[in-house]
PDB file of N, CA and C in Angstrom:
ATOM      1  N   MET A   1      39.181  26.007 157.920  1.00  0.00           N
ATOM      2  CA  MET A   1      39.386  26.533 157.094  1.00  0.00           C
ATOM      3  C   MET A   1      39.032  25.198 155.736  1.00  0.00           C
ATOM      4  N   GLY A   2      39.761  24.263 156.170  1.00  0.00           N
ATOM      5  CA  GLY A   2      40.000  23.412 155.550  1.00  0.00           C
ATOM      6  C   GLY A   2      38.477  22.450 155.120  1.00  0.00           C
ATOM      7  N   MET A   3      37.955  21.928 156.456  1.00  0.00           N
ATOM      8  CA  MET A   3      36.807  21.612 156.346  1.00  0.00           C
ATOM      9  C   MET A   3      35.436  22.150 155.474  1.00  0.00           C
ATOM     10  N   LEU A   4      35.646  23.446 155.658  1.00  0.00           N
ATOM     11  CA  LEU A   4      34.719  24.582 154.923  1.00  0.00           C
ATOM     12  C   LEU A   4      34.422  24.311 154.010  1.00  0.00           C
ATOM     13  N   MET A   5      36.196  24.546 152.784  1.00  0.00           N
ATOM     14  CA  MET A   5      36.280  25.041 151.850  1.00  0.00           C
ATOM     15  C   MET A   5      37.320  23.781 151.094  1.00  0.00           C
ATOM     16  N   PRO A   6      36.887  22.216 151.110  1.00  0.00           N
ATOM     17  CA  PRO A   6      37.874  21.563 150.955  1.00  0.00           C
ATOM     18  C   PRO A   6      37.938  21.550 149.502  1.00  0.00           C
ATOM     19  N   ASP A   7      37.357  21.987 148.185  1.00  0.00           N
ATOM     20  CA  ASP A   7      38.086  22.576 146.691  1.00  0.00           C
ATOM     21  C   ASP A   7      39.101  23.490 147.104  1.00  0.00           C
ATOM     22  N   ALA A   8      38.455  24.702 147.923  1.00  0.00           N
ATOM     23  CA  ALA A   8      39.331  25.339 147.381  1.00  0.00           C
ATOM     24  C   ALA A   8      40.807  25.428 147.949  1.00  0.00           C
ATOM     25  N   VAL A   9      40.727  24.669 149.351  1.00  0.00           N
ATOM     26  CA  VAL A   9      41.837  24.096 149.397  1.00  0.00           C
ATOM     27  C   VAL A   9      43.100  23.653 148.248  1.00  0.00           C
ATOM     28  N   ALA A  10      41.987  22.351 148.088  1.00  0.00           N
ATOM     29  CA  ALA A  10      42.631  21.443 146.475  1.00  0.00           C
ATOM     30  C   ALA A  10      43.668  22.081 145.221  1.00  0.00           C
ATOM     31  N   GLU A  11      42.352  23.266 145.583  1.00  0.00           N
ATOM     32  CA  GLU A  11      42.919  23.754 144.019  1.00  0.00           C
ATOM     33  C   GLU A  11      44.235  24.575 144.725  1.00  0.00           C
ATOM     34  N   VAL A  12      44.375  25.442 146.206  1.00  0.00           N
ATOM     35  CA  VAL A  12      45.414  26.331 146.482  1.00  0.00           C
ATOM     36  C   VAL A  12      46.538  25.389 145.835  1.00  0.00           C
ATOM     37  N   GLY A  13      46.325  24.406 146.741  1.00  0.00           N
ATOM     38  CA  GLY A  13      47.628  22.940 146.629  1.00  0.00           C
ATOM     39  C   GLY A  13      47.769  22.587 145.580  1.00  0.00           C
ATOM     40  N   HIS A  14      47.581  22.414 144.645  1.00  0.00           N
ATOM     41  CA  HIS A  14      47.245  22.352 142.971  1.00  0.00           C
ATOM     42  C   HIS A  14      48.539  23.314 142.270  1.00  0.00           C
ATOM     43  N   LEU A  15      47.451  24.891 142.754  1.00  0.00           N
ATOM     44  CA  LEU A  15      48.247  25.664 142.460  1.00  0.00           C
ATOM     45  C   LEU A  15      49.441  26.228 142.529  1.00  0.00           C
ATOM     46  N   LEU A  16      50.027  25.621 143.950  1.00  0.00           N
ATOM     47  CA  LEU A  16      51.353  26.088 144.241  1.00  0.00           C
ATOM     48  C   LEU A  16      51.857  24.532 143.895  1.00  0.00           C
ATOM     49  N   ALA A  17      51.133  23.390 143.416  1.00  0.00           N
ATOM     50  CA  ALA A  17      52.301  22.214 142.792  1.00  0.00           C
ATOM     51  C   ALA A  17      52.802  23.139 141.301  1.00  0.00           C
ATOM     52  N   VAL A  18      52.252  23.685 140.722  1.00  0.00           N
ATOM     53  CA  VAL A  18      52.463  24.593 138.825  1.00  0.00           C
ATOM     54  C   VAL A  18      53.357  24.951 139.553  1.00  0.00           C
ATOM     55  N   VAL A  19      53.034  26.226 139.982  1.00  0.00           N
ATOM     56  CA  VAL A  19      54.108  27.207 140.506  1.00  0.00           C
ATOM     57  C   VAL A  19      55.381  26.537 140.898  1.00  0.00           C
ATOM     58  N   GLU A  20      55.736  25.506 141.884  1.00  0.00           N
ATOM     59  CA  GLU A  20      56.549  24.772 141.971  1.00  0.00           C
ATOM     60  C   GLU A  20      57.117  24.679 141.121  1.00  0.00           C
ATOM     61  N   ALA A  21      56.466  23.834 139.745  1.00  0.00           N
ATOM     62  CA  ALA A  21      57.434  23.234 138.670  1.00  0.00           C
ATOM     63  C   ALA A  21      58.039  24.365 137.583  1.00  0.00           C
ATOM     64  N   LEU A  22      57.364  25.153 138.030  1.00  0.00           N
ATOM     65  CA  LEU A  22      57.658  26.601 137.434  1.00  0.00           C
ATOM     66  C   LEU A  22      58.758  26.769 137.738  1.00  0.00           C
ATOM     67  N   ASP A  23      58.758  27.271 138.909  1.00  0.00           N
ATOM     68  CA  ASP A  23      59.954  28.084 139.566  1.00  0.00           C
ATOM     69  C   ASP A  23      59.620  27.614 141.136  1.00  0.00           C
ATOM     70  N   PRO A  24      60.247  27.215 141.191  1.00  0.00           N
ATOM     71  CA  PRO A  24      60.360  27.001 143.322  1.00  0.00           C
ATOM     72  C   PRO A  24      60.848  27.905 143.820  1.00  0.00           C
ATOM     73  N   ARG A  25      61.611  28.885 143.450  1.00  0.00           N
ATOM     74  CA  ARG A  25      61.818  30.440 144.553  1.00  0.00           C
ATOM     75  C   ARG A  25      60.330  30.760 144.143  1.00  0.00           C
ATOM     76  N   ALA A  26      59.819  31.535 143.046  1.00  0.00           N
ATOM     77  CA  ALA A  26      58.837  32.187 142.754  1.00  0.00           C
ATOM     78  C   ALA A  26      57.867  31.158 143.810  1.00  0.00           C
ATOM     79  N   ALA A  27      57.805  30.311 143.845  1.00  0.00           N
ATOM     80  CA  ALA A  27      56.689  28.405 144.717  1.00  0.00           C
ATOM     81  C   ALA A  27      57.239  29.093 146.438  1.00  0.00           C
ATOM     82  N   GLN A  28      57.933  28.998 146.691  1.00  0.00           N
ATOM     83  CA  GLN A  28      58.239  29.763 147.674  1.00  0.00           C
ATOM     84  C   GLN A  28      58.104  30.974 148.635  1.00  0.00           C
ATOM     85  N   GLU A  29      58.361  32.184 147.435  1.00  0.00           N
ATOM     86  CA  GLU A  29      57.535  33.363 147.610  1.00  0.00           C
ATOM     87  C   GLU A  29      56.601  33.141 147.549  1.00  0.00           C
ATOM     88  N   LEU A  30      55.109  32.915 147.324  1.00  0.00           N
ATOM     89  CA  LEU A  30      53.819  32.936 147.001  1.00  0.00           C
ATOM     90  C   LEU A  30      53.275  32.258 148.135  1.00  0.00           C
ATOM     91  N   ARG A  31      54.247  30.873 149.094  1.00  0.00           N
ATOM     92  CA  ARG A  31      53.732  30.364 150.253  1.00  0.00           C
ATOM     93  C   ARG A  31      53.950  31.757 150.870  1.00  0.00           C
ATOM     94  N   GLY A  32      54.955  32.614 151.272  1.00  0.00           N
ATOM     95  CA  GLY A  32      55.368  33.228 151.671  1.00  0.00           C
ATOM     96  C   GLY A  32      54.258  34.068 151.871  1.00  0.00           C
ATOM     97  N   GLY A  33      54.021  34.672 150.784  1.00  0.00           N
ATOM     98  CA  GLY A  33      52.886  35.473 150.915  1.00  0.00           C
ATOM     99  C   GLY A  33      51.151  35.134 150.862  1.00  0.00           C
ATOM    100  N   LEU A  34      50.560  34.097 151.620  1.00  0.00           N
ATOM    101  CA  LEU A  34      49.796  33.511 151.296  1.00  0.00           C
ATOM    102  C   LEU A  34      48.665  34.060 152.530  1.00  0.00           C
ATOM    103  N   PRO A  35      47.574  34.671 151.991  1.00  0.00           N
ATOM    104  CA  PRO A  35      46.971  35.540 152.985  1.00  0.00           C
ATOM    105  C   PRO A  35      46.872  34.938 154.470  1.00  0.00           C
ATOM    106  N   ARG A  36      46.326  35.630 155.694  1.00  0.00           N
ATOM    107  CA  ARG A  36      46.556  35.407 156.784  1.00  0.00           C
ATOM    108  C   ARG A  36      44.970  35.721 157.292  1.00  0.00           C
ATOM    109  N   CYS A  37      44.996  34.679 158.064  1.00  0.00           N
ATOM    110  CA  CYS A  37      43.370  35.669 159.305  1.00  0.00           C
ATOM    111  C   CYS A  37      43.607  36.657 160.091  1.00  0.00           C
ATOM    112  N   ASP A  38      44.255  38.068 159.633  1.00  0.00           N
ATOM    113  CA  ASP A  38      44.569  38.754 160.878  1.00  0.00           C
ATOM    114  C   ASP A  38      43.706  40.475 160.357  1.00  0.00           C
ATOM    115  N   SER A  39      44.316  41.287 160.482  1.00  0.00           N
ATOM    116  CA  SER A  39      44.395  42.185 160.529  1.00  0.00           C
ATOM    117  C   SER A  39      44.533  42.981 158.694  1.00  0.00           C
ATOM    118  N   THR A  40      45.593  42.317 157.812  1.00  0.00           N
ATOM    119  CA  THR A  40      45.913  42.479 156.853  1.00  0.00           C
ATOM    120  C   THR A  40      44.967  42.213 155.987  1.00  0.00           C
ATOM    121  N   PHE A  41      44.171  41.246 156.408  1.00  0.00           N
ATOM    122  CA  PHE A  41      43.183  40.480 155.031  1.00  0.00           C
ATOM    123  C   PHE A  41      42.471  40.978 154.202  1.00  0.00           C
ATOM    124  N   GLY A  42      41.529  42.027 154.738  1.00  0.00           N
ATOM    125  CA  GLY A  42      41.145  43.006 154.439  1.00  0.00           C
ATOM    126  C   GLY A  42      41.020  43.707 153.346  1.00  0.00           C
ATOM    127  N   LEU A  43      43.010  44.280 153.367  1.00  0.00           N
ATOM    128  CA  LEU A  43      43.401  45.126 152.567  1.00  0.00           C
ATOM    129  C   LEU A  43      43.908  44.038 151.174  1.00  0.00           C
ATOM    130  N   GLY A  44      44.830  43.547 152.159  1.00  0.00           N
ATOM    131  CA  GLY A  44      44.832  41.896 150.511  1.00  0.00           C
ATOM    132  C   GLY A  44      44.176  41.172 149.564  1.00  0.00           C
ATOM    133  N   LEU A  45      43.153  41.496 150.502  1.00  0.00           N
ATOM    134  CA  LEU A  45      41.848  40.995 149.519  1.00  0.00           C
ATOM    135  C   LEU A  45      41.568  41.965 148.365  1.00  0.00           C
ATOM    136  N   ALA A  46      41.132  43.180 149.152  1.00  0.00           N
ATOM    137  CA  ALA A  46      41.457  44.308 148.058  1.00  0.00           C
ATOM    138  C   ALA A  46      42.233  44.705 147.000  1.00  0.00           C
ATOM    139  N   PHE A  47      43.571  44.455 147.345  1.00  0.00           N
ATOM    140  CA  PHE A  47      44.443  44.769 146.852  1.00  0.00           C
ATOM    141  C   PHE A  47      44.100  42.935 145.449  1.00  0.00           C
ATOM    142  N   PHE A  48      44.299  42.585 146.248  1.00  0.00           N
ATOM    143  CA  PHE A  48      44.062  41.035 144.851  1.00  0.00           C
ATOM    144  C   PHE A  48      42.884  41.485 144.155  1.00  0.00           C
ATOM    145  N   LEU A  49      41.849  42.116 144.184  1.00  0.00           N
ATOM    146  CA  LEU A  49      40.301  41.907 143.331  1.00  0.00           C
ATOM    147  C   LEU A  49      40.913  43.127 142.808  1.00  0.00           C
ATOM    148  N   ALA A  50      41.552  43.864 142.735  1.00  0.00           N
ATOM    149  CA  ALA A  50      41.695  45.112 142.257  1.00  0.00           C
ATOM    150  C   ALA A  50      42.485  44.423 141.064  1.00  0.00           C
ATOM    151  N   ALA A  51      43.736  43.761 141.209  1.00  0.00           N
ATOM    152  CA  ALA A  51      44.879  43.396 140.395  1.00  0.00           C
ATOM    153  C   ALA A  51      44.569  42.686 139.486  1.00  0.00           C
ATOM    154  N   THR A  52      43.359  41.423 139.331  1.00  0.00           N
ATOM    155  CA  THR A  52      42.686  40.678 139.640  1.00  0.00           C
ATOM    156  C   THR A  52      41.358  41.179 137.902  1.00  0.00           C
ATOM    157  N   ALA A  53      40.698  42.307 138.540  1.00  0.00           N
ATOM    158  CA  ALA A  53      40.009  43.050 138.019  1.00  0.00           C
ATOM    159  C   ALA A  53      39.603  42.422 136.566  1.00  0.00           C
ATOM    160  N   ASN A  54      40.819  42.187 135.261  1.00  0.00           N
ATOM    161  CA  ASN A  54      40.441  42.132 134.086  1.00  0.00           C
ATOM    162  C   ASN A  54      41.159  40.490 134.090  1.00  0.00           C
ATOM    163  N   GLY A  55      40.914  39.726 134.600  1.00  0.00           N
ATOM    164  CA  GLY A  55      41.145  38.417 134.325  1.00  0.00           C
ATOM    165  C   GLY A  55      42.549  38.184 135.116  1.00  0.00           C
ATOM    166  N   ALA A  56      42.927  36.489 134.522  1.00  0.00           N
ATOM    167  CA  ALA A  56      44.535  35.307 134.903  1.00  0.00           C
ATOM    168  C   ALA A  56      45.189  36.284 134.175  1.00  0.00           C
ATOM    169  N   ARG A  57      44.573  36.263 132.904  1.00  0.00           N
ATOM    170  CA  ARG A  57      45.803  36.161 132.102  1.00  0.00           C
ATOM    171  C   ARG A  57      45.983  38.019 132.010  1.00  0.00           C
ATOM    172  N   ALA A  58      45.644  38.630 132.770  1.00  0.00           N
ATOM    173  CA  ALA A  58      46.061  40.354 132.070  1.00  0.00           C
ATOM    174  C   ALA A  58      46.695  40.441 133.125  1.00  0.00           C
ATOM    175  N   TRP A  59      46.427  39.963 135.068  1.00  0.00           N
ATOM    176  CA  TRP A  59      47.437  40.064 135.835  1.00  0.00           C
ATOM    177  C   TRP A  59      48.718  38.692 135.892  1.00  0.00           C
ATOM    178  N   LEU A  60      48.743  37.606 135.237  1.00  0.00           N
ATOM    179  CA  LEU A  60      49.915  37.083 135.450  1.00  0.00           C
ATOM    180  C   LEU A  60      50.916  37.610 134.176  1.00  0.00           C
ATOM    181  N   GLY A  61      49.998  38.115 132.945  1.00  0.00           N
ATOM    182  CA  GLY A  61      50.920  38.800 131.746  1.00  0.00           C
ATOM    183  C   GLY A  61      51.264  37.953 131.294  1.00  0.00           C
ATOM    184  N   PRO A  62      51.925  38.465 129.674  1.00  0.00           N
ATOM    185  CA  PRO A  62      51.659  36.828 128.736  1.00  0.00           C
ATOM    186  C   PRO A  62      52.718  35.949 128.938  1.00  0.00           C
ATOM    187  N   LYS A  63      54.063  36.437 129.437  1.00  0.00           N
ATOM    188  CA  LYS A  63      55.016  35.089 130.240  1.00  0.00           C
ATOM    189  C   LYS A  63      54.693  34.225 130.019  1.00  0.00           C
ATOM    190  N   ARG A  64      54.567  34.376 131.852  1.00  0.00           N
ATOM    191  CA  ARG A  64      53.946  33.734 132.456  1.00  0.00           C
ATOM    192  C   ARG A  64      52.591  32.751 132.337  1.00  0.00           C
ATOM    193  N   CYS A  65      51.807  33.031 131.110  1.00  0.00           N
ATOM    194  CA  CYS A  65      50.482  32.419 130.634  1.00  0.00           C
ATOM    195  C   CYS A  65      51.386  31.882 129.912  1.00  0.00           C
ATOM    196  N   ARG A  66      52.393  32.019 128.699  1.00  0.00           N
ATOM    197  CA  ARG A  66      52.534  30.968 127.995  1.00  0.00           C
ATOM    198  C   ARG A  66      53.301  29.581 128.895  1.00  0.00           C
ATOM    199  N   LEU A  67      54.079  29.954 130.038  1.00  0.00           N
ATOM    200  CA  LEU A  67      54.591  29.126 130.506  1.00  0.00           C
ATOM    201  C   LEU A  67      53.896  28.422 131.245  1.00  0.00           C
ATOM    202  N   LEU A  68      52.105  28.760 131.910  1.00  0.00           N
ATOM    203  CA  LEU A  68      51.335  28.021 132.160  1.00  0.00           C
ATOM    204  C   LEU A  68      50.962  27.130 131.100  1.00  0.00           C
ATOM    205  N   GLU A  69      50.118  27.411 130.233  1.00  0.00           N
ATOM    206  CA  GLU A  69      50.048  27.319 129.303  1.00  0.00           C
ATOM    207  C   GLU A  69      50.843  25.929 128.796  1.00  0.00           C
ATOM    208  N   ARG A  70      51.793  25.622 128.770  1.00  0.00           N
ATOM    209  CA  ARG A  70      52.710  24.892 128.217  1.00  0.00           C
ATOM    210  C   ARG A  70      52.119  23.522 129.198  1.00  0.00           C
ATOM    211  N   LEU A  71      52.323  23.539 130.492  1.00  0.00           N
ATOM    212  CA  LEU A  71      51.699  22.860 131.616  1.00  0.00           C
ATOM    213  C   LEU A  71      50.978  21.683 131.251  1.00  0.00           C
ATOM    214  N   ASP A  72      49.811  22.706 130.869  1.00  0.00           N
ATOM    215  CA  ASP A  72      48.363  22.236 131.022  1.00  0.00           C
ATOM    216  C   ASP A  72      47.171  22.633 129.190  1.00  0.00           C
ATOM    217  N   GLY A  73      48.153  23.231 128.503  1.00  0.00           N
ATOM    218  CA  GLY A  73      47.178  23.572 128.013  1.00  0.00           C
ATOM    219  C   GLY A  73      46.453  24.885 127.775  1.00  0.00           C
ATOM    220  N   GLY A  74      46.143  25.306 128.872  1.00  0.00           N
ATOM    221  CA  GLY A  74      45.879  26.501 129.318  1.00  0.00           C
ATOM    222  C   GLY A  74      44.206  26.254 130.640  1.00  0.00           C
ATOM    223  N   ALA A  75      44.231  25.036 130.254  1.00  0.00           N
ATOM    224  CA  ALA A  75      42.590  24.799 131.640  1.00  0.00           C
ATOM    225  C   ALA A  75      43.030  25.362 133.100  1.00  0.00           C
ATOM    226  N   LEU A  76      44.385  25.427 133.809  1.00  0.00           N
ATOM    227  CA  LEU A  76      44.301  26.753 134.892  1.00  0.00           C
ATOM    228  C   LEU A  76      44.077  28.012 134.730  1.00  0.00           C
ATOM    229  N   LEU A  77      44.131  28.346 133.758  1.00  0.00           N
ATOM    230  CA  LEU A  77      44.435  29.756 133.252  1.00  0.00           C
ATOM    231  C   LEU A  77      42.946  29.832 133.096  1.00  0.00           C
ATOM    232  N   ASP A  78      42.185  29.361 132.280  1.00  0.00           N
ATOM    233  CA  ASP A  78      40.081  29.460 132.657  1.00  0.00           C
ATOM    234  C   ASP A  78      39.850  29.134 133.118  1.00  0.00           C
ATOM    235  N   ASP A  79      40.191  28.137 134.093  1.00  0.00           N
ATOM    236  CA  ASP A  79      39.442  28.319 135.463  1.00  0.00           C
ATOM    237  C   ASP A  79      40.205  29.214 136.793  1.00  0.00           C
ATOM    238  N   LEU A  80      41.623  29.509 136.249  1.00  0.00           N
ATOM    239  CA  LEU A  80      41.465  30.749 137.143  1.00  0.00           C
ATOM    240  C   LEU A  80      39.853  31.872 136.976  1.00  0.00           C
ATOM    241  N   ASP A  81      40.521  32.634 135.195  1.00  0.00           N
ATOM    242  CA  ASP A  81      39.872  33.126 134.035  1.00  0.00           C
ATOM    243  C   ASP A  81      37.736  33.149 134.936  1.00  0.00           C
ATOM    244  N   LEU A  82      37.432  32.164 135.167  1.00  0.00           N
ATOM    245  CA  LEU A  82      36.103  31.594 135.630  1.00  0.00           C
ATOM    246  C   LEU A  82      35.938  32.225 137.390  1.00  0.00           C
ATOM    247  N   ALA A  83      37.118  31.717 137.430  1.00  0.00           N
ATOM    248  CA  ALA A  83      37.153  32.194 139.173  1.00  0.00           C
ATOM    249  C   ALA A  83      37.131  33.585 139.454  1.00  0.00           C
ATOM    250  N   LEU A  84      37.165  34.297 138.796  1.00  0.00           N
ATOM    251  CA  LEU A  84      37.794  35.526 138.434  1.00  0.00           C
ATOM    252  C   LEU A  84      36.394  36.336 138.292  1.00  0.00           C
ATOM    253  N   ALA A  85      35.914  35.882 137.151  1.00  0.00           N
ATOM    254  CA  ALA A  85      34.890  36.606 136.258  1.00  0.00           C
ATOM    255  C   ALA A  85      33.486  37.203 137.659  1.00  0.00           C
ATOM    256  N   PRO A  86      33.078  37.946 136.782  1.00  0.00           N
ATOM    257  CA  PRO A  86      32.203  38.638 137.802  1.00  0.00           C
ATOM    258  C   PRO A  86      31.161  37.392 138.335  1.00  0.00           C
ATOM    259  N   ARG A  87      30.111  37.387 139.666  1.00  0.00           N
ATOM    260  CA  ARG A  87      29.440  36.553 139.799  1.00  0.00           C
ATOM    261  C   ARG A  87      28.367  36.492 138.833  1.00  0.00           C
ATOM    262  N   PRO A  88      28.065  37.371 138.641  1.00  0.00           N
ATOM    263  CA  PRO A  88      26.585  36.913 137.384  1.00  0.00           C
ATOM    264  C   PRO A  88      26.793  36.341 136.202  1.00  0.00           C
ATOM    265  N   ARG A  89      28.324  36.448 135.350  1.00  0.00           N
ATOM    266  CA  ARG A  89      28.824  35.565 134.626  1.00  0.00           C
ATOM    267  C   ARG A  89      28.981  34.191 134.579  1.00  0.00           C
ATOM    268  N   ARG A  90      29.509  33.834 136.014  1.00  0.00           N
ATOM    269  CA  ARG A  90      29.323  32.619 136.489  1.00  0.00           C
ATOM    270  C   ARG A  90      28.470  31.779 136.862  1.00  0.00           C
ATOM    271  N   THR A  91      27.508  32.742 137.467  1.00  0.00           N
ATOM    272  CA  THR A  91      26.920  31.802 136.892  1.00  0.00           C
ATOM    273  C   THR A  91      25.470  31.409 135.385  1.00  0.00           C
ATOM    274  N   ALA A  92      25.040  32.326 135.052  1.00  0.00           N
ATOM    275  CA  ALA A  92      24.934  32.306 133.858  1.00  0.00           C
ATOM    276  C   ALA A  92      25.983  31.330 132.773  1.00  0.00           C
ATOM    277  N   ASP A  93      27.260  30.874 133.453  1.00  0.00           N
ATOM    278  CA  ASP A  93      27.839  30.202 132.307  1.00  0.00           C
ATOM    279  C   ASP A  93      27.643  28.394 133.374  1.00  0.00           C
ATOM    280  N   ARG A  94      27.109  28.668 134.644  1.00  0.00           N
ATOM    281  CA  ARG A  94      26.729  27.410 135.346  1.00  0.00           C
ATOM    282  C   ARG A  94      24.900  26.651 133.963  1.00  0.00           C
ATOM    283  N   ARG A  95      24.879  28.344 134.568  1.00  0.00           N
ATOM    284  CA  ARG A  95      23.081  27.621 133.743  1.00  0.00           C
ATOM    285  C   ARG A  95      22.719  27.098 132.499  1.00  0.00           C
ATOM    286  N   GLU A  96      24.115  28.081 131.462  1.00  0.00           N
ATOM    287  CA  GLU A  96      24.356  26.860 130.046  1.00  0.00           C
ATOM    288  C   GLU A  96      25.882  26.158 130.236  1.00  0.00           C
ATOM    289  N   GLY A  97      25.869  25.253 131.212  1.00  0.00           N
ATOM    290  CA  GLY A  97      26.176  24.388 130.975  1.00  0.00           C
ATOM    291  C   GLY A  97      27.646  24.232 130.899  1.00  0.00           C
ATOM    292  N   ARG A  98      28.852  25.386 130.994  1.00  0.00           N
ATOM    293  CA  ARG A  98      29.795  25.857 130.473  1.00  0.00           C
ATOM    294  C   ARG A  98      30.894  25.760 131.276  1.00  0.00           C
ATOM    295  N   CYS A  99      30.621  25.227 132.479  1.00  0.00           N
ATOM    296  CA  CYS A  99      32.428  24.820 133.614  1.00  0.00           C
ATOM    297  C   CYS A  99      31.100  23.303 134.094  1.00  0.00           C
ATOM    298  N   PRO A 100      31.637  23.063 135.125  1.00  0.00           N
ATOM    299  CA  PRO A 100      31.434  21.817 135.651  1.00  0.00           C
ATOM    300  C   PRO A 100      30.817  21.890 137.040  1.00  0.00           C
TER     301      PRO A 100
END
């Protein structure tokens, strides 16, 4: 996977570092819950997509969002919201120069 999606691998590493800074125990749990390429992957993906349907901020909740915003002014949450946005919105945002 690292060779096919180096940016995604780097982003996961960045996210884990942020969570580690906020809550080492939660980071350990997160690492243990990362998806595996086995028979549970489809179910895990469906659950994640359903849980994040209203964006990163709704999924994480106000307390966690405030903690993350203190670290980087909300940049990570903005990136997550963009990544979780429906594909047509992401494509339109890129055409209008609203994302890297």
